[in-house]
Amino acid sequence: MNSPLNIEKSGAGDPLVLIHGLGSASNAFKPIRPSLDKDFMVVTVDLPGHGKSPYQKGELMDPESLALKILEQLSIESIENFNLAGNSLGGWIAMEMAAIAPDFGFCALKSIPSSFIAITTAGFIESAGAEPALLTSTQSPAKCWRYPAAI
């Protein structure tokens, strides 16, 4: 019932997985990809029904299910010990991935985030234990939370 996710890789270095928000696609990261490619192997993921990833009727689209699907796909792609960043819904999914990772049986999958950043996260509850930090850019400030790999 589930189809594979479109994953694109570029650059060299430690893996950095980027997850886009709802109604977007991995090409949303195109403007920053060249800079990131200098220091990371950038891995972009199209969520089901977005970009080049098809959606199949009945496919689960809640953040936890999407997190599991991405972790499974990264394992298939042999992408291990990666850094993780997500925007909006992608940030929520990134937090789910970090929360799931310690209990997901990574003896089999081997994929685990080593760090992550969630920017303008959808559905975020501040009492989750994050330490807020304000990031500024030339366009606008964005609130983000950085967690250690294992929560």
N, C-alpha and C. Protein backbone atom coordinates (compact mmCIF):
# COMPACT_ATOMS: atom_id res chain seq x y z
N MET A 1 0.81 -1.19 0.00
CA MET A 1 0.00 0.00 0.00
C MET A 1 0.86 1.26 0.00
N ASN A 2 2.01 1.23 0.64
CA ASN A 2 2.88 2.40 0.70
C ASN A 2 3.89 2.36 -0.42
N SER A 3 4.10 3.50 -1.05
CA SER A 3 5.10 3.59 -2.10
C SER A 3 6.35 4.25 -1.54
N PRO A 4 7.50 4.00 -2.16
CA PRO A 4 8.74 4.59 -1.66
C PRO A 4 8.73 6.11 -1.80
N LEU A 5 9.49 6.75 -0.94
CA LEU A 5 9.62 8.20 -0.98
C LEU A 5 10.72 8.59 -1.95
N ASN A 6 10.53 9.72 -2.62
CA ASN A 6 11.59 10.26 -3.46
C ASN A 6 12.66 10.88 -2.56
N ILE A 7 13.88 10.42 -2.72
CA ILE A 7 15.02 10.94 -1.96
C ILE A 7 16.09 11.36 -2.95
N GLU A 8 16.61 12.58 -2.77
CA GLU A 8 17.70 13.06 -3.61
C GLU A 8 18.89 13.40 -2.74
N LYS A 9 20.09 13.07 -3.21
CA LYS A 9 21.33 13.29 -2.47
C LYS A 9 22.29 14.15 -3.29
N SER A 10 23.01 15.02 -2.59
CA SER A 10 24.06 15.82 -3.24
C SER A 10 25.09 16.21 -2.19
N GLY A 11 26.22 16.67 -2.63
CA GLY A 11 27.26 17.12 -1.72
C GLY A 11 28.05 15.97 -1.12
N ALA A 12 28.92 16.32 -0.17
CA ALA A 12 29.77 15.33 0.49
C ALA A 12 29.92 15.70 1.95
N GLY A 13 30.10 14.71 2.78
CA GLY A 13 30.27 14.93 4.21
C GLY A 13 29.23 14.15 4.99
N ASP A 14 29.03 14.55 6.23
CA ASP A 14 28.02 13.90 7.06
C ASP A 14 26.63 14.15 6.47
N PRO A 15 25.74 13.16 6.53
CA PRO A 15 24.40 13.35 5.98
C PRO A 15 23.60 14.40 6.75
N LEU A 16 22.90 15.25 6.01
CA LEU A 16 21.94 16.21 6.55
C LEU A 16 20.62 15.97 5.83
N VAL A 17 19.63 15.45 6.56
CA VAL A 17 18.32 15.16 5.99
C VAL A 17 17.43 16.38 6.18
N LEU A 18 16.83 16.85 5.08
CA LEU A 18 15.94 18.01 5.10
C LEU A 18 14.52 17.57 4.79
N ILE A 19 13.57 17.98 5.64
CA ILE A 19 12.16 17.60 5.45
C ILE A 19 11.33 18.87 5.29
N HIS A 20 10.60 18.94 4.21
CA HIS A 20 9.79 20.12 3.88
C HIS A 20 8.46 20.11 4.64
N GLY A 21 7.72 21.19 4.49
CA GLY A 21 6.43 21.33 5.14
C GLY A 21 5.27 20.89 4.26
N LEU A 22 4.06 20.98 4.81
CA LEU A 22 2.83 20.61 4.12
C LEU A 22 2.62 21.48 2.89
N GLY A 23 2.26 20.85 1.78
CA GLY A 23 1.99 21.58 0.55
C GLY A 23 3.24 22.04 -0.17
N SER A 24 4.38 21.63 0.28
CA SER A 24 5.65 22.02 -0.31
C SER A 24 6.30 20.78 -0.93
N ALA A 25 7.57 20.84 -1.18
CA ALA A 25 8.33 19.71 -1.71
C ALA A 25 9.79 19.94 -1.41
N SER A 26 10.60 18.93 -1.66
CA SER A 26 12.02 19.04 -1.35
C SER A 26 12.71 20.16 -2.11
N ASN A 27 12.15 20.58 -3.24
CA ASN A 27 12.78 21.67 -3.99
C ASN A 27 12.68 23.00 -3.25
N ALA A 28 11.94 23.05 -2.13
CA ALA A 28 11.90 24.26 -1.30
C ALA A 28 13.28 24.58 -0.74
N PHE A 29 14.14 23.57 -0.65
CA PHE A 29 15.49 23.76 -0.11
C PHE A 29 16.51 24.12 -1.20
N LYS A 30 16.06 24.23 -2.44
CA LYS A 30 16.96 24.52 -3.56
C LYS A 30 17.82 25.76 -3.33
N PRO A 31 17.29 26.88 -2.80
CA PRO A 31 18.13 28.06 -2.62
C PRO A 31 19.29 27.88 -1.64
N ILE A 32 19.16 27.01 -0.66
CA ILE A 32 20.24 26.84 0.32
C ILE A 32 21.08 25.60 0.08
N ARG A 33 20.65 24.76 -0.82
CA ARG A 33 21.35 23.50 -1.07
C ARG A 33 22.81 23.67 -1.48
N PRO A 34 23.14 24.58 -2.40
CA PRO A 34 24.56 24.72 -2.78
C PRO A 34 25.47 25.05 -1.60
N SER A 35 25.02 25.89 -0.69
CA SER A 35 25.83 26.21 0.49
C SER A 35 25.99 25.00 1.39
N LEU A 36 24.90 24.25 1.58
CA LEU A 36 24.95 23.07 2.44
C LEU A 36 25.78 21.94 1.83
N ASP A 37 25.75 21.84 0.50
CA ASP A 37 26.51 20.79 -0.20
C ASP A 37 28.01 20.87 0.07
N LYS A 38 28.50 22.05 0.45
CA LYS A 38 29.92 22.21 0.72
C LYS A 38 30.37 21.44 1.96
N ASP A 39 29.47 21.28 2.91
CA ASP A 39 29.83 20.66 4.19
C ASP A 39 29.09 19.36 4.49
N PHE A 40 28.02 19.08 3.75
CA PHE A 40 27.18 17.92 4.06
C PHE A 40 26.82 17.15 2.80
N MET A 41 26.52 15.87 2.99
CA MET A 41 25.79 15.14 1.97
C MET A 41 24.33 15.48 2.26
N VAL A 42 23.74 16.34 1.45
CA VAL A 42 22.37 16.80 1.67
C VAL A 42 21.41 15.77 1.11
N VAL A 43 20.45 15.39 1.94
CA VAL A 43 19.45 14.40 1.57
C VAL A 43 18.08 15.05 1.72
N THR A 44 17.38 15.22 0.61
CA THR A 44 16.04 15.79 0.67
C THR A 44 15.02 14.68 0.43
N VAL A 45 13.89 14.81 1.11
CA VAL A 45 12.83 13.81 1.06
C VAL A 45 11.54 14.49 0.62
N ASP A 46 10.86 13.92 -0.36
CA ASP A 46 9.51 14.37 -0.70
C ASP A 46 8.52 13.51 0.08
N LEU A 47 7.66 14.15 0.88
CA LEU A 47 6.63 13.42 1.60
C LEU A 47 5.61 12.85 0.62
N PRO A 48 4.85 11.82 1.02
CA PRO A 48 3.85 11.25 0.11
C PRO A 48 2.87 12.32 -0.40
N GLY A 49 2.63 12.30 -1.71
CA GLY A 49 1.72 13.26 -2.32
C GLY A 49 2.34 14.63 -2.54
N HIS A 50 3.63 14.74 -2.35
CA HIS A 50 4.36 16.00 -2.52
C HIS A 50 5.53 15.75 -3.47
N GLY A 51 5.87 16.75 -4.27
CA GLY A 51 7.02 16.61 -5.16
C GLY A 51 6.91 15.36 -6.03
N LYS A 52 7.93 14.52 -5.97
CA LYS A 52 7.99 13.31 -6.81
C LYS A 52 7.56 12.04 -6.07
N SER A 53 7.04 12.18 -4.84
CA SER A 53 6.59 11.00 -4.09
C SER A 53 5.08 10.84 -4.26
N PRO A 54 4.65 9.71 -4.81
CA PRO A 54 3.21 9.50 -4.98
C PRO A 54 2.51 9.23 -3.64
N TYR A 55 1.22 9.53 -3.60
CA TYR A 55 0.38 9.18 -2.46
C TYR A 55 -0.54 8.06 -2.89
N GLN A 56 -0.67 7.06 -2.03
CA GLN A 56 -1.61 5.98 -2.31
C GLN A 56 -2.76 6.06 -1.31
N LYS A 57 -3.96 5.90 -1.80
CA LYS A 57 -5.16 5.98 -0.96
C LYS A 57 -4.99 5.10 0.27
N GLY A 58 -5.28 5.68 1.43
CA GLY A 58 -5.18 4.93 2.68
C GLY A 58 -3.84 5.06 3.38
N GLU A 59 -2.88 5.69 2.72
CA GLU A 59 -1.56 5.86 3.32
C GLU A 59 -1.67 6.81 4.52
N LEU A 60 -1.06 6.44 5.64
CA LEU A 60 -1.12 7.26 6.85
C LEU A 60 -0.27 8.50 6.68
N MET A 61 -0.82 9.66 7.08
CA MET A 61 -0.14 10.94 6.86
C MET A 61 0.06 11.73 8.15
N ASP A 62 -0.12 11.09 9.31
CA ASP A 62 0.14 11.79 10.56
C ASP A 62 1.66 11.88 10.76
N PRO A 63 2.13 12.86 11.56
CA PRO A 63 3.57 13.06 11.71
C PRO A 63 4.34 11.82 12.18
N GLU A 64 3.78 11.05 13.10
CA GLU A 64 4.49 9.86 13.58
C GLU A 64 4.63 8.82 12.47
N SER A 65 3.56 8.60 11.71
CA SER A 65 3.63 7.63 10.60
C SER A 65 4.61 8.09 9.53
N LEU A 66 4.62 9.39 9.25
CA LEU A 66 5.58 9.92 8.26
C LEU A 66 7.01 9.78 8.77
N ALA A 67 7.22 10.00 10.07
CA ALA A 67 8.55 9.83 10.66
C ALA A 67 9.03 8.39 10.49
N LEU A 68 8.16 7.44 10.79
CA LEU A 68 8.52 6.02 10.63
C LEU A 68 8.84 5.70 9.18
N LYS A 69 8.04 6.22 8.26
CA LYS A 69 8.26 5.97 6.84
C LYS A 69 9.61 6.53 6.39
N ILE A 70 9.94 7.74 6.83
CA ILE A 70 11.23 8.33 6.45
C ILE A 70 12.38 7.54 7.05
N LEU A 71 12.27 7.16 8.32
CA LEU A 71 13.34 6.36 8.95
C LEU A 71 13.55 5.04 8.21
N GLU A 72 12.47 4.39 7.82
CA GLU A 72 12.59 3.14 7.07
C GLU A 72 13.27 3.37 5.72
N GLN A 73 12.87 4.44 5.03
CA GLN A 73 13.46 4.74 3.72
C GLN A 73 14.94 5.09 3.84
N LEU A 74 15.29 5.85 4.87
CA LEU A 74 16.71 6.18 5.08
C LEU A 74 17.52 4.92 5.35
N SER A 75 16.95 3.98 6.09
CA SER A 75 17.63 2.72 6.35
C SER A 75 17.86 1.95 5.05
N ILE A 76 16.86 1.91 4.20
CA ILE A 76 16.98 1.24 2.90
C ILE A 76 18.09 1.88 2.07
N GLU A 77 18.20 3.21 2.17
CA GLU A 77 19.21 3.97 1.43
C GLU A 77 20.59 3.92 2.10
N SER A 78 20.70 3.21 3.24
CA SER A 78 21.94 3.11 4.02
C SER A 78 22.44 4.47 4.50
N ILE A 79 21.50 5.34 4.86
CA ILE A 79 21.84 6.64 5.42
C ILE A 79 21.73 6.52 6.93
N GLU A 80 22.89 6.59 7.60
CA GLU A 80 22.96 6.35 9.04
C GLU A 80 23.55 7.55 9.76
N ASN A 81 23.21 7.70 11.03
CA ASN A 81 23.78 8.76 11.88
C ASN A 81 23.78 10.11 11.19
N PHE A 82 22.61 10.57 10.86
CA PHE A 82 22.44 11.78 10.09
C PHE A 82 22.03 12.96 10.96
N ASN A 83 22.28 14.16 10.45
CA ASN A 83 21.74 15.38 11.01
C ASN A 83 20.39 15.60 10.35
N LEU A 84 19.51 16.31 11.02
CA LEU A 84 18.13 16.39 10.57
C LEU A 84 17.61 17.80 10.75
N ALA A 85 16.96 18.34 9.72
CA ALA A 85 16.33 19.66 9.81
C ALA A 85 15.00 19.61 9.09
N GLY A 86 14.00 20.27 9.68
CA GLY A 86 12.69 20.29 9.06
C GLY A 86 12.04 21.64 9.22
N ASN A 87 11.19 21.98 8.26
CA ASN A 87 10.46 23.23 8.30
C ASN A 87 8.97 22.94 8.43
N SER A 88 8.30 23.64 9.34
CA SER A 88 6.86 23.51 9.56
C SER A 88 6.51 22.05 9.86
N LEU A 89 5.64 21.43 9.06
CA LEU A 89 5.31 20.02 9.30
C LEU A 89 6.57 19.17 9.30
N GLY A 90 7.54 19.52 8.47
CA GLY A 90 8.81 18.79 8.45
C GLY A 90 9.54 18.87 9.78
N GLY A 91 9.41 20.00 10.48
CA GLY A 91 10.00 20.14 11.81
C GLY A 91 9.31 19.23 12.82
N TRP A 92 8.00 19.13 12.72
CA TRP A 92 7.24 18.24 13.60
C TRP A 92 7.66 16.79 13.34
N ILE A 93 7.77 16.44 12.07
CA ILE A 93 8.20 15.08 11.70
C ILE A 93 9.61 14.82 12.24
N ALA A 94 10.50 15.82 12.15
CA ALA A 94 11.86 15.67 12.66
C ALA A 94 11.85 15.38 14.15
N MET A 95 10.98 16.06 14.90
CA MET A 95 10.90 15.79 16.33
C MET A 95 10.37 14.38 16.60
N GLU A 96 9.41 13.95 15.81
CA GLU A 96 8.90 12.57 15.95
C GLU A 96 10.01 11.57 15.67
N MET A 97 10.82 11.83 14.65
CA MET A 97 11.93 10.93 14.31
C MET A 97 12.92 10.83 15.46
N ALA A 98 13.24 11.97 16.07
CA ALA A 98 14.19 11.97 17.19
C ALA A 98 13.59 11.25 18.40
N ALA A 99 12.30 11.39 18.60
CA ALA A 99 11.64 10.73 19.74
C ALA A 99 11.53 9.22 19.52
N ILE A 100 11.29 8.82 18.29
CA ILE A 100 11.12 7.40 17.95
C ILE A 100 12.46 6.68 17.94
N ALA A 101 13.50 7.35 17.47
CA ALA A 101 14.79 6.73 17.19
C ALA A 101 15.31 5.80 18.30
N PRO A 102 15.33 6.22 19.57
CA PRO A 102 15.90 5.33 20.59
C PRO A 102 15.11 4.04 20.79
N ASP A 103 13.83 4.05 20.47
CA ASP A 103 12.98 2.88 20.71
C ASP A 103 12.59 2.14 19.44
N PHE A 104 13.19 2.48 18.32
CA PHE A 104 12.72 1.97 17.05
C PHE A 104 13.40 0.68 16.63
N GLY A 105 14.33 0.17 17.41
CA GLY A 105 15.02 -1.06 17.02
C GLY A 105 16.07 -0.79 15.96
N PHE A 106 16.94 0.15 16.21
CA PHE A 106 17.92 0.52 15.20
C PHE A 106 19.02 -0.50 15.02
N CYS A 107 18.96 -1.61 15.77
CA CYS A 107 19.89 -2.70 15.47
C CYS A 107 19.62 -3.17 14.05
N ALA A 108 18.34 -3.16 13.65
CA ALA A 108 17.98 -3.58 12.31
C ALA A 108 18.10 -2.44 11.31
N LEU A 109 17.65 -1.24 11.69
CA LEU A 109 17.60 -0.15 10.73
C LEU A 109 18.88 0.66 10.65
N LYS A 110 19.56 0.84 11.75
CA LYS A 110 20.83 1.57 11.81
C LYS A 110 20.69 3.07 11.56
N SER A 111 19.51 3.58 11.26
CA SER A 111 19.35 5.00 10.98
C SER A 111 18.93 5.72 12.25
N ILE A 112 19.69 6.71 12.65
CA ILE A 112 19.38 7.47 13.85
C ILE A 112 19.90 8.90 13.69
N PRO A 113 19.06 9.89 14.02
CA PRO A 113 19.55 11.26 13.89
C PRO A 113 20.60 11.57 14.95
N SER A 114 21.68 12.25 14.55
CA SER A 114 22.69 12.65 15.51
C SER A 114 22.40 14.04 16.05
N SER A 115 21.63 14.82 15.34
CA SER A 115 21.15 16.12 15.82
C SER A 115 20.01 16.55 14.93
N PHE A 116 19.20 17.49 15.42
CA PHE A 116 18.19 18.04 14.53
C PHE A 116 17.80 19.43 14.92
N ILE A 117 17.31 20.14 13.95
CA ILE A 117 16.80 21.49 14.14
C ILE A 117 15.42 21.54 13.52
N ALA A 118 14.47 22.07 14.28
CA ALA A 118 13.11 22.25 13.77
C ALA A 118 12.85 23.75 13.70
N ILE A 119 12.49 24.22 12.53
CA ILE A 119 12.27 25.65 12.32
C ILE A 119 10.79 25.89 12.07
N THR A 120 10.23 26.86 12.77
CA THR A 120 8.80 27.18 12.69
C THR A 120 7.96 25.90 12.67
N THR A 121 8.09 25.14 13.72
CA THR A 121 7.51 23.82 13.77
C THR A 121 5.99 23.84 13.96
N ALA A 122 5.31 23.07 13.16
CA ALA A 122 3.86 22.91 13.29
C ALA A 122 3.57 22.03 14.50
N GLY A 123 2.56 22.37 15.27
CA GLY A 123 2.11 21.51 16.36
C GLY A 123 3.06 21.38 17.51
N PHE A 124 4.00 22.30 17.67
CA PHE A 124 4.99 22.17 18.72
C PHE A 124 4.43 22.56 20.08
N ILE A 125 4.74 21.78 21.10
CA ILE A 125 4.34 22.07 22.47
C ILE A 125 5.61 22.38 23.24
N GLU A 126 5.76 23.64 23.72
CA GLU A 126 7.01 24.05 24.36
C GLU A 126 7.34 23.24 25.60
N SER A 127 6.35 22.67 26.27
CA SER A 127 6.62 21.92 27.49
C SER A 127 7.27 20.57 27.21
N ALA A 128 7.59 20.28 25.95
CA ALA A 128 8.19 19.00 25.59
C ALA A 128 9.63 18.88 26.05
N GLY A 129 10.18 19.92 26.68
CA GLY A 129 11.54 19.82 27.19
C GLY A 129 12.60 20.42 26.30
N ALA A 130 12.20 21.13 25.26
CA ALA A 130 13.17 21.74 24.37
C ALA A 130 13.73 23.00 25.00
N GLU A 131 14.90 23.36 24.56
CA GLU A 131 15.50 24.61 24.98
C GLU A 131 15.36 25.59 23.81
N PRO A 132 14.48 26.59 23.93
CA PRO A 132 14.27 27.49 22.79
C PRO A 132 15.48 28.38 22.53
N ALA A 133 15.68 28.65 21.28
CA ALA A 133 16.74 29.58 20.86
C ALA A 133 16.19 30.38 19.70
N LEU A 134 16.54 31.62 19.62
CA LEU A 134 16.07 32.46 18.53
C LEU A 134 17.13 32.52 17.45
N LEU A 135 16.75 32.12 16.27
CA LEU A 135 17.65 32.22 15.12
C LEU A 135 17.21 33.42 14.30
N THR A 136 18.12 34.17 13.80
CA THR A 136 17.74 35.29 12.96
C THR A 136 18.28 35.08 11.56
N SER A 137 17.53 35.55 10.61
CA SER A 137 17.98 35.51 9.22
C SER A 137 17.77 36.89 8.65
N THR A 138 18.13 37.09 7.41
CA THR A 138 17.96 38.40 6.80
C THR A 138 16.48 38.70 6.56
N GLN A 139 15.64 37.67 6.50
CA GLN A 139 14.23 37.89 6.24
C GLN A 139 13.41 38.04 7.51
N SER A 140 13.56 37.11 8.46
CA SER A 140 12.76 37.20 9.68
C SER A 140 13.35 36.26 10.72
N PRO A 141 13.09 36.55 12.00
CA PRO A 141 13.55 35.62 13.03
C PRO A 141 12.70 34.35 12.99
N ALA A 142 13.31 33.24 13.33
CA ALA A 142 12.59 31.96 13.38
C ALA A 142 12.92 31.29 14.70
N LYS A 143 11.91 30.82 15.38
CA LYS A 143 12.15 30.14 16.64
C LYS A 143 12.49 28.68 16.34
N CYS A 144 13.51 28.16 16.96
CA CYS A 144 13.85 26.77 16.73
C CYS A 144 14.29 26.14 18.03
N TRP A 145 14.23 24.83 18.07
CA TRP A 145 14.61 24.07 19.24
C TRP A 145 15.60 23.01 18.81
N ARG A 146 16.66 22.87 19.56
CA ARG A 146 17.67 21.86 19.22
C ARG A 146 17.67 20.83 20.33
N TYR A 147 17.57 19.58 19.97
CA TYR A 147 17.53 18.47 20.90
C TYR A 147 18.79 17.64 20.72
N PRO A 148 19.22 16.95 21.77
CA PRO A 148 20.26 15.93 21.57
C PRO A 148 19.65 14.77 20.78
N ALA A 149 20.49 13.89 20.26
CA ALA A 149 20.00 12.79 19.44
C ALA A 149 19.03 11.90 20.19
N ALA A 150 19.31 11.57 21.41
CA ALA A 150 18.42 10.69 22.18
C ALA A 150 17.64 11.50 23.19
N ILE A 151 16.36 11.42 23.10
CA ILE A 151 15.49 12.16 24.03
C ILE A 151 15.11 11.25 25.18
